[in-house]
């Protein structure tokens, strides 16, 4: 089963202007750290038990400007397609100053369920042992 998830990219206009600047400055020979992306969804591919770390693959998204304000600072939404049987990590802006980072999975009914890190680790461990 598949599910769709939309995340509001709060401050997307700032990200766009910084990423444009990063691209130009690297072209001129001034390397910069890339601007932090306002939100993302990543599929957790593998958990490394010794490092307590994991590898992830960032999902592609569709951008929706239909509810955007004139600057693009609010109302820009990113749409993702999630599939059941996989574990995802999500970075979701809650406001201008708060961001929520969490794990989730999709039920067989297409419902997105937030899960704890321990449960995500256990699901990956069981899936890898099969």
N, C-alpha and C. Protein backbone atom coordinates (compact mmCIF):
# COMPACT_ATOMS: atom_id res chain seq x y z
N UNK A 1 0.85 -1.17 0.00
CA UNK A 1 0.00 0.00 0.00
C UNK A 1 0.90 1.24 0.00
N UNK A 2 0.40 2.28 -0.62
CA UNK A 2 1.15 3.54 -0.67
C UNK A 2 0.36 4.62 0.06
N UNK A 3 1.10 5.63 0.52
CA UNK A 3 0.49 6.78 1.18
C UNK A 3 1.21 8.04 0.71
N UNK A 4 0.52 9.16 0.75
CA UNK A 4 1.15 10.43 0.40
C UNK A 4 1.31 11.27 1.66
N UNK A 5 2.40 12.00 1.71
CA UNK A 5 2.71 12.85 2.84
C UNK A 5 3.06 14.23 2.31
N UNK A 6 2.47 15.26 2.90
CA UNK A 6 2.83 16.62 2.50
C UNK A 6 3.48 17.32 3.69
N UNK A 7 4.55 18.03 3.41
CA UNK A 7 5.27 18.80 4.43
C UNK A 7 5.36 20.24 3.96
N UNK A 8 5.03 21.17 4.84
CA UNK A 8 5.17 22.58 4.49
C UNK A 8 6.63 22.98 4.64
N UNK A 9 7.19 23.51 3.58
CA UNK A 9 8.59 23.95 3.58
C UNK A 9 8.65 25.39 4.05
N UNK A 10 8.54 25.57 5.38
CA UNK A 10 8.56 26.92 5.95
C UNK A 10 9.92 27.55 5.68
N UNK A 11 9.91 28.75 5.13
CA UNK A 11 11.15 29.44 4.81
C UNK A 11 11.80 28.97 3.53
N UNK A 12 11.02 28.38 2.64
CA UNK A 12 11.58 27.85 1.40
C UNK A 12 12.25 28.93 0.56
N UNK A 13 11.71 30.16 0.59
CA UNK A 13 12.30 31.24 -0.18
C UNK A 13 13.72 31.54 0.28
N UNK A 14 13.97 31.46 1.58
CA UNK A 14 15.32 31.70 2.11
C UNK A 14 16.25 30.60 1.64
N UNK A 15 15.79 29.36 1.70
CA UNK A 15 16.60 28.25 1.22
C UNK A 15 16.95 28.44 -0.25
N UNK A 16 15.97 28.81 -1.07
CA UNK A 16 16.21 29.00 -2.50
C UNK A 16 17.24 30.09 -2.74
N UNK A 17 17.15 31.21 -2.02
CA UNK A 17 18.11 32.29 -2.24
C UNK A 17 19.51 31.87 -1.79
N UNK A 18 19.62 31.12 -0.68
CA UNK A 18 20.93 30.64 -0.24
C UNK A 18 21.49 29.61 -1.21
N UNK A 19 20.64 28.71 -1.71
CA UNK A 19 21.15 27.68 -2.63
C UNK A 19 21.60 28.33 -3.94
N UNK A 20 20.91 29.38 -4.39
CA UNK A 20 21.35 30.11 -5.58
C UNK A 20 22.70 30.76 -5.32
N UNK A 21 22.86 31.35 -4.14
CA UNK A 21 24.12 31.98 -3.77
C UNK A 21 25.24 30.94 -3.67
N UNK A 22 24.94 29.79 -3.08
CA UNK A 22 25.94 28.71 -2.98
C UNK A 22 26.42 28.28 -4.36
N UNK A 23 25.47 28.15 -5.28
CA UNK A 23 25.82 27.72 -6.63
C UNK A 23 26.71 28.76 -7.31
N UNK A 24 26.36 30.04 -7.16
CA UNK A 24 27.16 31.09 -7.79
C UNK A 24 28.52 31.25 -7.12
N UNK A 25 28.56 31.20 -5.80
CA UNK A 25 29.83 31.40 -5.11
C UNK A 25 30.81 30.27 -5.39
N UNK A 26 30.30 29.04 -5.54
CA UNK A 26 31.21 27.95 -5.89
C UNK A 26 31.70 28.11 -7.32
N UNK A 27 30.88 28.68 -8.16
CA UNK A 27 31.28 28.96 -9.54
C UNK A 27 32.40 30.00 -9.57
N UNK A 28 32.34 30.95 -8.62
CA UNK A 28 33.36 32.01 -8.55
C UNK A 28 34.58 31.58 -7.73
N UNK A 29 34.55 30.36 -7.19
CA UNK A 29 35.70 29.86 -6.45
C UNK A 29 35.61 30.05 -4.95
N UNK A 30 34.43 30.34 -4.41
CA UNK A 30 34.24 30.50 -2.96
C UNK A 30 33.38 29.35 -2.46
N UNK A 31 33.99 28.26 -2.02
CA UNK A 31 33.17 27.13 -1.57
C UNK A 31 32.42 27.45 -0.28
N UNK A 32 31.18 27.07 -0.22
CA UNK A 32 30.33 27.27 0.96
C UNK A 32 29.71 25.94 1.37
N UNK A 33 29.31 25.85 2.61
CA UNK A 33 28.50 24.72 3.03
C UNK A 33 27.11 24.90 2.43
N UNK A 34 26.49 23.82 1.97
CA UNK A 34 25.16 23.98 1.39
C UNK A 34 24.15 24.42 2.45
N UNK A 35 23.16 25.17 2.01
CA UNK A 35 22.11 25.64 2.93
C UNK A 35 21.29 24.45 3.41
N UNK A 36 20.88 24.44 4.68
CA UNK A 36 20.07 23.33 5.19
C UNK A 36 18.69 23.33 4.54
N UNK A 37 18.26 22.18 4.11
CA UNK A 37 16.96 22.06 3.45
C UNK A 37 15.86 22.16 4.50
N UNK A 38 14.76 22.83 4.19
CA UNK A 38 13.72 23.05 5.21
C UNK A 38 13.02 21.77 5.68
N UNK A 39 12.88 20.78 4.81
CA UNK A 39 12.26 19.52 5.22
C UNK A 39 12.69 18.41 4.26
N UNK A 40 12.59 17.17 4.73
CA UNK A 40 12.93 16.04 3.89
C UNK A 40 12.33 14.76 4.44
N UNK A 41 12.29 13.75 3.57
CA UNK A 41 11.87 12.39 3.95
C UNK A 41 12.94 11.46 3.40
N UNK A 42 13.41 10.55 4.25
CA UNK A 42 14.45 9.61 3.83
C UNK A 42 14.04 8.20 4.24
N UNK A 43 14.27 7.26 3.34
CA UNK A 43 14.04 5.85 3.67
C UNK A 43 15.29 5.34 4.37
N UNK A 44 15.10 4.70 5.51
CA UNK A 44 16.23 4.10 6.23
C UNK A 44 16.52 2.77 5.56
N UNK A 45 17.72 2.64 5.05
CA UNK A 45 18.07 1.45 4.29
C UNK A 45 18.74 0.40 5.18
N UNK A 46 19.64 0.85 6.03
CA UNK A 46 20.38 -0.09 6.86
C UNK A 46 20.78 0.58 8.15
N UNK A 47 20.75 -0.19 9.23
CA UNK A 47 21.16 0.30 10.54
C UNK A 47 22.49 -0.36 10.90
N UNK A 48 23.46 0.45 11.28
CA UNK A 48 24.76 -0.07 11.68
C UNK A 48 24.81 -0.17 13.19
N UNK A 49 24.68 -1.37 13.77
CA UNK A 49 24.54 -1.51 15.22
C UNK A 49 25.76 -1.04 16.01
N UNK A 50 26.96 -1.20 15.48
CA UNK A 50 28.14 -0.79 16.25
C UNK A 50 28.26 0.72 16.34
N UNK A 51 27.91 1.41 15.26
CA UNK A 51 28.04 2.87 15.24
C UNK A 51 26.78 3.56 15.76
N UNK A 52 25.70 2.81 15.94
CA UNK A 52 24.39 3.38 16.27
C UNK A 52 24.00 4.43 15.23
N UNK A 53 24.33 4.13 13.97
CA UNK A 53 24.05 5.03 12.86
C UNK A 53 23.32 4.24 11.77
N UNK A 54 22.85 4.92 10.74
CA UNK A 54 22.12 4.26 9.68
C UNK A 54 22.39 4.97 8.36
N UNK A 55 22.16 4.24 7.29
CA UNK A 55 22.26 4.85 5.96
C UNK A 55 20.84 5.11 5.48
N UNK A 56 20.69 6.17 4.73
CA UNK A 56 19.36 6.55 4.27
C UNK A 56 19.42 7.03 2.83
N UNK A 57 18.26 6.97 2.19
CA UNK A 57 18.10 7.44 0.81
C UNK A 57 16.99 8.48 0.82
N UNK A 58 17.33 9.70 0.40
CA UNK A 58 16.35 10.78 0.39
C UNK A 58 15.38 10.61 -0.76
N UNK A 59 14.10 10.77 -0.46
CA UNK A 59 13.06 10.59 -1.47
C UNK A 59 12.90 11.85 -2.31
N UNK A 60 12.50 11.65 -3.55
CA UNK A 60 12.18 12.77 -4.43
C UNK A 60 10.79 13.28 -4.04
N UNK A 61 10.54 14.51 -4.38
CA UNK A 61 9.27 15.15 -3.99
C UNK A 61 8.71 15.96 -5.15
N UNK A 62 7.45 16.29 -5.03
CA UNK A 62 6.79 17.22 -5.94
C UNK A 62 6.52 18.49 -5.16
N UNK A 63 6.76 19.63 -5.77
CA UNK A 63 6.56 20.91 -5.10
C UNK A 63 5.21 21.48 -5.49
N UNK A 64 4.46 21.94 -4.49
CA UNK A 64 3.13 22.51 -4.69
C UNK A 64 3.13 23.95 -4.21
N UNK A 65 2.95 24.89 -5.13
CA UNK A 65 2.94 26.32 -4.80
C UNK A 65 1.52 26.89 -4.73
N UNK A 66 0.50 26.05 -4.81
CA UNK A 66 -0.88 26.54 -4.93
C UNK A 66 -1.35 27.33 -3.71
N UNK A 67 -0.79 27.08 -2.53
CA UNK A 67 -1.20 27.80 -1.32
C UNK A 67 -0.12 28.75 -0.83
N UNK A 68 0.86 29.02 -1.67
CA UNK A 68 2.02 29.82 -1.29
C UNK A 68 1.67 31.30 -1.19
N UNK A 69 2.36 31.99 -0.26
CA UNK A 69 2.23 33.44 -0.23
C UNK A 69 3.11 34.03 -1.33
N UNK A 70 3.12 35.35 -1.48
CA UNK A 70 3.81 35.97 -2.61
C UNK A 70 5.32 35.79 -2.55
N UNK A 71 5.89 35.66 -1.35
CA UNK A 71 7.34 35.49 -1.22
C UNK A 71 7.77 34.04 -1.32
N UNK A 72 6.89 33.13 -1.02
CA UNK A 72 7.24 31.71 -0.99
C UNK A 72 7.81 31.29 0.35
N UNK A 73 7.59 32.12 1.38
CA UNK A 73 8.09 31.77 2.71
C UNK A 73 7.14 30.84 3.47
N UNK A 74 5.87 30.84 3.11
CA UNK A 74 4.88 29.95 3.71
C UNK A 74 3.98 29.42 2.61
N UNK A 75 3.40 28.25 2.86
CA UNK A 75 2.43 27.67 1.94
C UNK A 75 3.02 26.87 0.80
N UNK A 76 4.33 26.69 0.76
CA UNK A 76 4.95 25.82 -0.23
C UNK A 76 4.99 24.42 0.37
N UNK A 77 4.43 23.45 -0.33
CA UNK A 77 4.36 22.08 0.19
C UNK A 77 5.15 21.14 -0.69
N UNK A 78 5.82 20.20 -0.03
CA UNK A 78 6.51 19.10 -0.71
C UNK A 78 5.68 17.85 -0.50
N UNK A 79 5.39 17.13 -1.57
CA UNK A 79 4.60 15.90 -1.51
C UNK A 79 5.50 14.70 -1.76
N UNK A 80 5.39 13.71 -0.89
CA UNK A 80 6.19 12.48 -0.98
C UNK A 80 5.25 11.28 -1.06
N UNK A 81 5.71 10.23 -1.73
CA UNK A 81 4.98 8.97 -1.78
C UNK A 81 5.74 7.95 -0.94
N UNK A 82 5.06 7.42 0.09
CA UNK A 82 5.65 6.43 0.99
C UNK A 82 5.00 5.08 0.73
N UNK A 83 5.77 4.01 0.95
CA UNK A 83 5.26 2.65 0.73
C UNK A 83 5.30 1.86 2.02
N UNK A 84 4.36 0.92 2.15
CA UNK A 84 4.35 0.07 3.34
C UNK A 84 5.52 -0.91 3.27
N UNK A 85 5.94 -1.39 4.43
CA UNK A 85 7.05 -2.31 4.51
C UNK A 85 8.40 -1.61 4.58
N UNK A 86 8.41 -0.30 4.68
CA UNK A 86 9.66 0.46 4.75
C UNK A 86 9.62 1.40 5.95
N UNK A 87 10.81 1.79 6.39
CA UNK A 87 10.94 2.71 7.52
C UNK A 87 11.47 4.04 6.98
N UNK A 88 10.87 5.13 7.45
CA UNK A 88 11.25 6.45 6.98
C UNK A 88 11.64 7.34 8.16
N UNK A 89 12.54 8.27 7.89
CA UNK A 89 12.85 9.34 8.84
C UNK A 89 12.41 10.63 8.19
N UNK A 90 11.76 11.48 8.98
CA UNK A 90 11.16 12.70 8.45
C UNK A 90 11.66 13.90 9.25
N UNK A 91 12.03 14.95 8.52
CA UNK A 91 12.34 16.25 9.13
C UNK A 91 11.23 17.18 8.70
N UNK A 92 10.41 17.58 9.68
CA UNK A 92 9.21 18.38 9.40
C UNK A 92 9.24 19.69 10.19
N UNK A 93 9.25 20.83 9.52
CA UNK A 93 9.18 22.10 10.23
C UNK A 93 7.82 22.26 10.92
N UNK A 94 7.84 22.64 12.19
CA UNK A 94 6.61 22.88 12.94
C UNK A 94 6.27 24.38 12.97
N UNK A 95 7.31 25.20 12.98
CA UNK A 95 7.16 26.65 12.96
C UNK A 95 8.47 27.22 12.42
N UNK A 96 8.64 28.52 12.51
CA UNK A 96 9.88 29.13 12.03
C UNK A 96 11.09 28.69 12.86
N UNK A 97 10.88 28.35 14.12
CA UNK A 97 12.02 28.03 14.99
C UNK A 97 12.05 26.57 15.46
N UNK A 98 11.02 25.78 15.19
CA UNK A 98 10.98 24.40 15.65
C UNK A 98 10.86 23.43 14.49
N UNK A 99 11.61 22.33 14.60
CA UNK A 99 11.57 21.27 13.60
C UNK A 99 11.41 19.94 14.33
N UNK A 100 10.56 19.09 13.78
CA UNK A 100 10.33 17.77 14.36
C UNK A 100 11.05 16.73 13.50
N UNK A 101 11.83 15.87 14.14
CA UNK A 101 12.55 14.79 13.47
C UNK A 101 12.03 13.48 14.04
N UNK A 102 11.48 12.62 13.19
CA UNK A 102 10.87 11.39 13.69
C UNK A 102 10.92 10.28 12.65
N UNK A 103 10.61 9.06 13.10
CA UNK A 103 10.55 7.89 12.25
C UNK A 103 9.09 7.52 12.02
N UNK A 104 8.81 6.88 10.88
CA UNK A 104 7.45 6.42 10.63
C UNK A 104 7.47 5.22 9.69
N UNK A 105 6.30 4.59 9.60
CA UNK A 105 6.09 3.51 8.65
C UNK A 105 4.66 3.64 8.14
N UNK A 106 4.34 2.91 7.08
CA UNK A 106 3.00 2.95 6.48
C UNK A 106 2.33 1.62 6.76
N UNK A 107 1.12 1.68 7.29
CA UNK A 107 0.37 0.46 7.58
C UNK A 107 -0.17 -0.16 6.29
N UNK A 108 -0.73 -1.34 6.39
CA UNK A 108 -1.30 -2.02 5.23
C UNK A 108 -2.54 -1.30 4.70
N UNK A 109 -3.12 -0.41 5.53
CA UNK A 109 -4.29 0.37 5.12
C UNK A 109 -3.89 1.71 4.50
N UNK A 110 -2.58 2.00 4.43
CA UNK A 110 -2.12 3.26 3.86
C UNK A 110 -2.04 4.40 4.86
N UNK A 111 -2.08 4.08 6.15
CA UNK A 111 -2.00 5.10 7.20
C UNK A 111 -0.55 5.28 7.61
N UNK A 112 -0.12 6.52 7.77
CA UNK A 112 1.25 6.81 8.19
C UNK A 112 1.29 6.80 9.72
N UNK A 113 2.16 5.94 10.28
CA UNK A 113 2.24 5.75 11.73
C UNK A 113 3.61 6.18 12.22
N UNK A 114 3.62 7.10 13.18
CA UNK A 114 4.87 7.54 13.79
C UNK A 114 5.34 6.47 14.76
N UNK A 115 6.64 6.15 14.71
CA UNK A 115 7.20 5.13 15.59
C UNK A 115 8.45 5.65 16.28
N UNK A 116 8.80 5.01 17.37
CA UNK A 116 10.00 5.39 18.12
C UNK A 116 11.25 4.86 17.41
N UNK A 117 12.39 5.43 17.74
CA UNK A 117 13.65 5.01 17.13
C UNK A 117 13.95 3.54 17.41
N UNK A 118 13.66 3.08 18.64
CA UNK A 118 13.89 1.67 18.98
C UNK A 118 13.05 0.73 18.12
N UNK A 119 11.80 1.11 17.88
CA UNK A 119 10.93 0.29 17.04
C UNK A 119 11.41 0.29 15.59
N UNK A 120 11.89 1.43 15.11
CA UNK A 120 12.44 1.50 13.75
C UNK A 120 13.65 0.60 13.62
N UNK A 121 14.51 0.64 14.62
CA UNK A 121 15.71 -0.20 14.62
C UNK A 121 15.32 -1.68 14.61
N UNK A 122 14.34 -2.05 15.43
CA UNK A 122 13.89 -3.44 15.51
C UNK A 122 13.27 -3.90 14.19
N UNK A 123 12.47 -3.05 13.56
CA UNK A 123 11.86 -3.41 12.27
C UNK A 123 12.93 -3.65 11.21
N UNK A 124 13.94 -2.81 11.18
CA UNK A 124 15.03 -2.99 10.21
C UNK A 124 15.81 -4.26 10.50
N UNK A 125 16.03 -4.54 11.77
CA UNK A 125 16.77 -5.73 12.17
C UNK A 125 16.02 -6.99 11.73
N UNK A 126 14.70 -7.02 11.93
CA UNK A 126 13.90 -8.18 11.55
C UNK A 126 13.86 -8.33 10.04
N UNK A 127 13.76 -7.22 9.33
CA UNK A 127 13.69 -7.27 7.87
C UNK A 127 15.01 -7.76 7.28
N UNK A 128 16.13 -7.34 7.89
CA UNK A 128 17.45 -7.75 7.38
C UNK A 128 17.72 -9.22 7.65
N UNK A 129 17.14 -9.76 8.72
CA UNK A 129 17.42 -11.17 9.07
C UNK A 129 16.59 -12.14 8.23
N UNK A 130 15.57 -11.66 7.54
CA UNK A 130 14.72 -12.54 6.72
C UNK A 130 15.41 -12.96 5.46
